[in-house]
Protein backbone atom coordinates (compact mmCIF):
# COMPACT_ATOMS: atom_id res chain seq x y z
CA UNK A 1 50.36 9.29 22.10
CA UNK A 2 52.34 9.66 18.86
CA UNK A 3 54.39 12.98 18.62
CA UNK A 4 55.98 13.93 15.32
CA UNK A 5 58.07 17.12 15.57
CA UNK A 6 57.96 19.62 12.48
CA UNK A 7 60.69 22.26 11.98
CA UNK A 8 59.56 25.78 10.44
CA UNK A 9 61.80 28.52 9.54
CA UNK A 10 61.27 31.60 11.37
CA UNK A 11 61.92 33.96 8.53
CA UNK A 12 59.08 32.74 6.40
CA UNK A 13 55.71 33.36 7.59
CA UNK A 14 54.01 31.40 4.60
CA UNK A 15 52.70 28.20 5.68
CA UNK A 16 54.59 25.29 4.21
CA UNK A 17 53.37 22.45 2.23
CA UNK A 18 54.31 20.13 5.00
CA UNK A 19 52.19 22.51 7.36
CA UNK A 20 49.24 22.12 4.99
CA UNK A 21 49.46 18.63 4.96
CA UNK A 22 49.17 18.25 8.57
CA UNK A 23 46.21 20.43 8.67
CA UNK A 24 44.36 18.19 6.11
CA UNK A 25 45.43 15.12 8.22
CA UNK A 26 44.25 16.65 11.29
CA UNK A 27 40.80 17.56 9.64
CA UNK A 28 40.09 14.19 8.21
CA UNK A 29 42.30 11.56 9.88
CA UNK A 30 41.54 12.18 13.47
CA UNK A 31 44.80 14.12 14.13
CA UNK A 32 45.20 17.17 16.64
CA UNK A 33 47.71 19.70 15.94
CA UNK A 34 49.07 21.59 19.12
CA UNK A 35 51.14 24.53 18.48
CA UNK A 36 53.83 25.28 21.16
CA UNK A 37 55.09 28.45 19.46
CA UNK A 38 53.60 31.36 17.23
CA UNK A 39 53.87 30.27 13.41
CA UNK A 40 55.51 33.49 12.60
CA UNK A 41 57.70 34.16 16.02
CA UNK A 42 59.64 31.29 16.98
CA UNK A 43 62.78 31.49 19.25
CA UNK A 44 66.17 30.87 18.78
CA UNK A 45 67.79 27.61 19.84
CA UNK A 46 71.48 26.94 19.39
CA UNK A 47 71.65 29.77 16.65
CA UNK A 48 68.60 28.19 14.83
CA UNK A 49 65.28 29.64 14.39
CA UNK A 50 62.72 27.13 14.57
CA UNK A 51 58.80 26.53 15.77
CA UNK A 52 58.24 23.24 17.02
CA UNK A 53 54.66 21.47 16.71
CA UNK A 54 53.36 18.42 17.80
CA UNK A 55 50.80 16.17 15.80
CA UNK A 56 49.29 13.69 18.07
CA UNK A 57 46.83 10.92 17.45
CA UNK A 58 43.45 11.28 18.67
CA UNK A 59 41.67 8.46 20.10
CA UNK A 60 38.52 9.93 21.56
CA UNK A 61 36.15 8.87 18.68
CA UNK A 62 33.84 7.57 21.62
CA UNK A 63 33.12 11.33 22.56
CA UNK A 64 31.27 11.85 19.45
CA UNK A 65 28.95 9.17 20.09
CA UNK A 66 27.00 10.36 23.10
CA UNK A 67 23.72 10.94 21.14
CA UNK A 68 20.18 9.76 21.82
CA UNK A 69 17.30 9.74 19.25
CA UNK A 70 16.32 13.17 20.81
CA UNK A 71 19.24 14.58 19.36
CA UNK A 72 18.02 13.93 15.79
CA UNK A 73 15.31 15.80 14.04
CA UNK A 74 12.02 14.30 13.38
CA UNK A 75 12.80 13.76 9.73
CA UNK A 76 16.16 11.88 10.57
CA UNK A 77 14.20 9.78 13.14
CA UNK A 78 11.76 8.62 10.32
CA UNK A 79 14.80 7.73 8.25
CA UNK A 80 16.45 5.89 11.10
CA UNK A 81 13.32 3.89 11.73
CA UNK A 82 13.20 2.66 8.01
CA UNK A 83 16.58 1.97 8.07
CA UNK A 84 16.26 -0.45 11.05
CA UNK A 85 13.00 -1.95 9.46
CA UNK A 86 15.36 -2.73 6.73
CA UNK A 87 18.05 -4.24 8.83
CA UNK A 88 15.38 -6.57 10.39
CA UNK A 89 14.02 -7.77 7.22
CA UNK A 90 17.31 -8.45 5.72
CA UNK A 91 18.57 -10.23 8.90
CA UNK A 92 15.71 -12.75 8.73
CA UNK A 93 15.00 -12.86 5.05
CA UNK A 94 18.35 -13.49 3.95
CA UNK A 95 19.54 -15.12 7.28
CA UNK A 96 22.61 -12.42 7.32
CA UNK A 97 23.76 -9.08 5.93
CA UNK A 98 21.68 -6.98 8.23
CA UNK A 99 24.66 -4.97 9.31
CA UNK A 100 26.38 -5.07 5.91
CA UNK A 101 23.16 -3.46 4.10
CA UNK A 102 22.01 -1.18 6.69
CA UNK A 103 25.29 0.49 8.26
CA UNK A 104 26.12 2.24 4.81
CA UNK A 105 22.77 3.82 5.29
CA UNK A 106 23.19 4.83 8.93
CA UNK A 107 26.43 6.41 8.22
CA UNK A 108 24.73 8.96 5.92
CA UNK A 109 22.67 10.17 9.18
CA UNK A 110 25.65 10.08 11.35
CA UNK A 111 29.05 9.14 10.32
CA UNK A 112 30.48 7.55 13.43
CA UNK A 113 30.25 3.70 13.34
CA UNK A 114 30.47 3.37 17.26
CA UNK A 115 27.16 5.11 17.32
CA UNK A 116 25.55 2.53 15.34
CA UNK A 117 27.49 -0.70 15.84
CA UNK A 118 26.33 -1.33 19.37
CA UNK A 119 22.78 -0.39 18.65
CA UNK A 120 22.95 -3.15 15.89
CA UNK A 121 24.85 -5.46 18.33
CA UNK A 122 21.82 -5.46 20.59
CA UNK A 123 19.24 -6.07 18.32
CA UNK A 124 21.33 -8.83 16.75
CA UNK A 125 21.47 -10.46 20.25
CA UNK A 126 17.82 -9.94 20.97
CA UNK A 127 16.46 -11.34 17.65
CA UNK A 128 18.98 -14.07 17.04
CA UNK A 129 18.25 -15.45 20.75
CA UNK A 130 14.38 -15.33 19.99
CA UNK A 131 14.85 -17.13 16.75
CA UNK A 132 17.26 -19.75 18.30
CA UNK A 133 15.06 -20.31 21.37
CA UNK A 134 13.74 -23.46 20.25
CA UNK A 135 16.21 -24.17 17.31
CA UNK A 136 19.34 -25.00 19.17
CA UNK A 137 18.93 -28.70 18.02
CA UNK A 138 19.03 -27.67 14.29
CA UNK A 139 22.96 -26.44 14.68
CA UNK A 140 25.83 -27.79 13.20
CA UNK A 141 27.83 -27.50 16.13
CA UNK A 142 30.88 -29.47 14.81
CA UNK A 143 31.58 -27.05 11.93
CA UNK A 144 30.72 -24.12 14.13
CA UNK A 145 33.71 -25.27 16.71
CA UNK A 146 36.11 -25.74 13.60
CA UNK A 147 35.39 -22.43 11.98
CA UNK A 148 35.33 -20.47 15.10
CA UNK A 149 39.06 -21.38 15.70
CA UNK A 150 39.63 -19.05 12.46
CA UNK A 151 37.11 -16.46 12.91
CA UNK A 152 37.06 -15.39 16.72
CA UNK A 153 40.95 -14.31 16.50
CA UNK A 154 40.41 -12.38 13.39
CA UNK A 155 37.35 -10.86 14.98
CA UNK A 156 39.37 -9.73 18.03
CA UNK A 157 41.84 -8.12 15.80
CA UNK A 158 39.08 -6.18 13.95
CA UNK A 159 37.34 -4.91 17.15
CA UNK A 160 40.58 -3.38 18.24
CA UNK A 161 41.02 -1.74 14.93
CA UNK A 162 37.48 -0.50 15.13
CA UNK A 163 38.34 1.05 18.64
CA UNK A 164 41.79 2.68 17.17
CA UNK A 165 41.53 3.46 13.42
CA UNK A 166 40.68 7.15 12.39
CA UNK A 167 36.98 7.35 11.72
CA UNK A 168 37.51 8.37 8.03
CA UNK A 169 39.47 4.95 7.45
CA UNK A 170 36.59 3.13 9.07
CA UNK A 171 34.10 4.81 6.98
CA UNK A 172 35.85 4.35 3.70
CA UNK A 173 36.61 0.64 4.45
CA UNK A 174 32.85 0.02 5.26
CA UNK A 175 31.52 1.94 2.19
CA UNK A 176 34.38 0.27 -0.12
CA UNK A 177 33.43 -3.15 1.36
CA UNK A 178 29.94 -2.57 0.59
CA UNK A 179 30.49 -1.25 -2.88
CA UNK A 180 32.41 -4.70 -3.31
CA UNK A 181 29.34 -6.70 -2.23
CA UNK A 182 26.99 -4.48 -4.46
CA UNK A 183 29.02 -5.14 -7.34
CA UNK A 184 29.40 -8.83 -7.21
CA UNK A 185 25.73 -9.18 -6.50
CA UNK A 186 24.79 -6.79 -9.17
CA UNK A 187 26.84 -8.88 -11.79
CA UNK A 188 25.50 -12.10 -10.17
CA UNK A 189 28.94 -13.12 -8.94
CA UNK A 190 29.06 -15.13 -5.98
CA UNK A 191 31.89 -15.58 -3.62
CA UNK A 192 32.72 -19.26 -3.80
CA UNK A 193 35.25 -21.34 -2.02
CA UNK A 194 36.75 -24.45 -3.70
CA UNK A 195 39.28 -25.80 -1.29
CA UNK A 196 40.20 -25.92 2.37
CA UNK A 197 42.82 -23.08 2.22
CA UNK A 198 40.57 -21.16 0.50
CA UNK A 199 37.94 -21.75 3.25
CA UNK A 200 40.28 -20.75 5.85
CA UNK A 201 41.04 -17.42 4.18
CA UNK A 202 37.35 -16.26 3.77
CA UNK A 203 36.68 -17.22 7.43
CA UNK A 204 39.79 -15.08 8.75
CA UNK A 205 38.84 -12.31 6.35
CA UNK A 206 35.24 -12.54 7.35
CA UNK A 207 36.03 -12.60 11.08
CA UNK A 208 38.32 -9.50 10.59
CA UNK A 209 35.57 -7.75 8.73
CA UNK A 210 32.78 -8.76 11.21
CA UNK A 211 35.09 -7.38 14.01
CA UNK A 212 35.45 -3.96 12.55
CA UNK A 213 32.20 -3.43 11.16
CA UNK A 214 29.81 -6.43 11.63
CA UNK A 215 29.73 -6.62 7.77
CA UNK A 216 31.60 -9.73 7.25
CA UNK A 217 28.79 -12.15 6.84
CA UNK A 218 28.87 -12.59 3.00
CA UNK A 219 32.66 -13.86 3.29
CA UNK A 220 31.84 -16.39 5.79
CA UNK A 221 28.45 -17.39 4.43
CA UNK A 222 30.13 -18.52 1.17
CA UNK A 223 32.22 -21.06 3.17
CA UNK A 224 29.40 -22.24 5.35
CA UNK A 225 27.13 -22.82 2.48
CA UNK A 226 29.72 -25.49 1.09
CA UNK A 227 30.25 -27.07 4.74
CA UNK A 228 26.82 -27.03 6.40
CA UNK A 229 23.56 -28.56 5.24
CA UNK A 230 20.91 -26.30 3.78
CA UNK A 231 18.46 -26.80 6.70
CA UNK A 232 20.82 -26.17 9.42
CA UNK A 233 22.43 -23.04 7.51
CA UNK A 234 20.40 -20.13 8.80
CA UNK A 235 20.33 -21.45 12.57
CA UNK A 236 24.03 -22.11 12.58
CA UNK A 237 24.73 -18.65 11.14
CA UNK A 238 22.57 -17.09 13.67
CA UNK A 239 24.45 -18.69 16.41
CA UNK A 240 27.68 -17.42 14.99
CA UNK A 241 26.51 -13.86 14.81
CA UNK A 242 25.28 -14.31 18.42
CA UNK A 243 28.87 -15.55 19.48
CA UNK A 244 30.49 -12.64 17.53
CA UNK A 245 28.46 -9.94 18.48
CA UNK A 246 28.71 -10.98 22.19
CA UNK A 247 32.42 -10.60 22.08
CA UNK A 248 31.97 -7.35 20.34
CA UNK A 249 29.62 -6.00 23.00
CA UNK A 250 31.75 -7.37 25.96
CA UNK A 251 34.67 -5.57 24.47
CA UNK A 252 32.86 -2.44 24.09
CA UNK A 253 31.99 -2.72 27.68
CA UNK A 254 35.59 -3.34 28.83
CA UNK A 255 36.83 -0.12 26.95
CA UNK A 256 34.15 2.22 28.07
CA UNK A 257 32.23 2.50 24.88
CA UNK A 258 28.73 3.78 25.21
CA UNK A 259 26.29 0.76 24.05
CA UNK A 260 23.23 3.23 23.62
CA UNK A 261 21.28 0.70 25.18
CA UNK A 262 17.84 2.82 25.70
CA UNK A 263 18.20 3.91 22.07
CA UNK A 264 18.48 0.20 21.11
CA UNK A 265 15.52 -0.76 23.15
CA UNK A 266 13.50 2.09 21.61
CA UNK A 267 14.18 0.91 18.14
CA UNK A 268 13.48 -2.87 18.84
CA UNK A 269 9.65 -2.66 18.04
CA UNK A 270 10.62 -0.97 14.87
CA UNK A 271 13.08 -3.60 13.76
CA UNK A 272 10.60 -6.28 14.69
CA UNK A 273 8.53 -5.25 12.02
CA UNK A 274 11.01 -6.11 9.48
CA UNK A 275 12.22 -9.26 11.38
CA UNK A 276 8.53 -10.32 11.12
CA UNK A 277 8.22 -9.62 7.59
CA UNK A 278 11.73 -11.07 6.85
CA UNK A 279 10.57 -14.50 8.46
CA UNK A 280 7.29 -14.79 6.59
CA UNK A 281 9.02 -13.98 3.22
CA UNK A 282 12.33 -16.08 4.10
CA UNK A 283 11.26 -18.94 1.71
CA UNK A 284 10.21 -16.69 -0.98
CA UNK A 285 13.38 -14.63 -1.16
CA UNK A 286 15.44 -18.01 -1.30
CA UNK A 287 13.49 -19.07 -4.31
CA UNK A 288 14.39 -15.81 -6.04
CA UNK A 289 17.72 -15.04 -4.46
CA UNK A 290 19.53 -14.17 -7.62
CA UNK A 291 16.94 -11.46 -8.57
CA UNK A 292 16.84 -10.18 -5.09
CA UNK A 293 20.45 -9.74 -4.76
CA UNK A 294 20.70 -8.14 -8.30
CA UNK A 295 18.44 -5.52 -7.35
CA UNK A 296 19.95 -5.02 -3.74
CA UNK A 297 23.41 -4.87 -5.24
CA UNK A 298 22.38 -1.92 -7.47
CA UNK A 299 21.34 -0.31 -4.56
CA UNK A 300 24.42 -0.89 -2.51
CA UNK A 301 26.58 0.42 -5.64
CA UNK A 302 24.62 3.65 -5.40
CA UNK A 303 24.74 4.21 -1.98
CA UNK A 304 28.50 3.36 -1.62
CA UNK A 305 29.59 5.44 -4.31
CA UNK A 306 27.37 8.33 -2.86
CA UNK A 307 29.07 7.63 0.56
CA UNK A 308 32.61 7.64 -0.82
CA UNK A 309 31.96 10.84 -2.81
CA UNK A 310 30.65 12.52 0.53
CA UNK A 311 33.54 11.20 2.66
CA UNK A 312 36.44 12.20 0.56
CA UNK A 313 35.11 15.07 -1.57
CA UNK A 314 36.55 17.75 1.14
CA UNK A 315 39.79 16.13 1.15
CA UNK A 316 39.96 16.25 -2.67
CA UNK A 317 39.15 19.88 -2.63
CA UNK A 318 41.84 20.68 0.00
CA UNK A 319 44.32 18.48 -2.12
CA UNK A 320 43.50 20.43 -5.48
CA UNK A 321 43.81 23.82 -3.77
CA UNK A 322 47.18 23.03 -2.38
CA UNK A 323 48.10 21.99 -6.27
CA UNK A 324 46.97 25.32 -7.25
CA UNK A 325 49.13 27.30 -4.52
CA UNK A 326 52.00 25.17 -5.29
CA UNK A 327 51.61 26.13 -9.10
CA UNK A 328 51.50 29.92 -8.06
């Protein structure tokens, strides 16, 4: 619990600028404002009039995730189903990116990533497990062991960030990262690694991003493409995703995060449609990889900009109101 005392003069009943900023933070950055005295009252302590307020950081984001599909409208359920078809298609069509390309869309429906990430995790474990059932011989175990030394510690740090950072920051991070991915794909600029130190940096960054949002695949794929043969690449990436998601799900269980297991099971048949279509079109997508990514990039840029605007518009409105009040 973090507490910051704020002194307010008794003589003035006008809300101070500091107070207004605290209210904005409490509204949009997961802070709780607890008043111990009346704003315009107060008591005299050692000849000084003051009101003591405490701002405490709220850590109960998980309380906003106890939802099932029945809590959504039929229209929202239809949209959720289409999004999970899309994530299944991307996961097998490209071999990566299901979460990176699906999570921003899910946040439009419900803005807490701790609702969606466990469901995505269950699907990743299920479908990657099916894919790898008879493919374990086609994995580059040597490079997987080497890269895991950089990826897994960074992923653990990212997972703890997911559990502790304010929701506004998490959603802003996810939308900003997706905007970055979409922009570089739209202009046909690939993330490339030219040396060992760049490889290590991308693996660490990718691991952290995967830990916080399961969206680190494009960063790590740039390294794996340079170090793993093409015919082993997809299967090696699948075992990497399986490992990272297993760690994330274990951490969720340890911290009593709701896994939404029944919701995930309900959506598996829906995601399976995209999974099968992606398997059948994988080779065609690889032959037209640049065109596919360019179209996807344009869509991601649009979705991310809309998401950021929706996320920060109330905060900007409050800021401009404060400026107007200060001016008068």
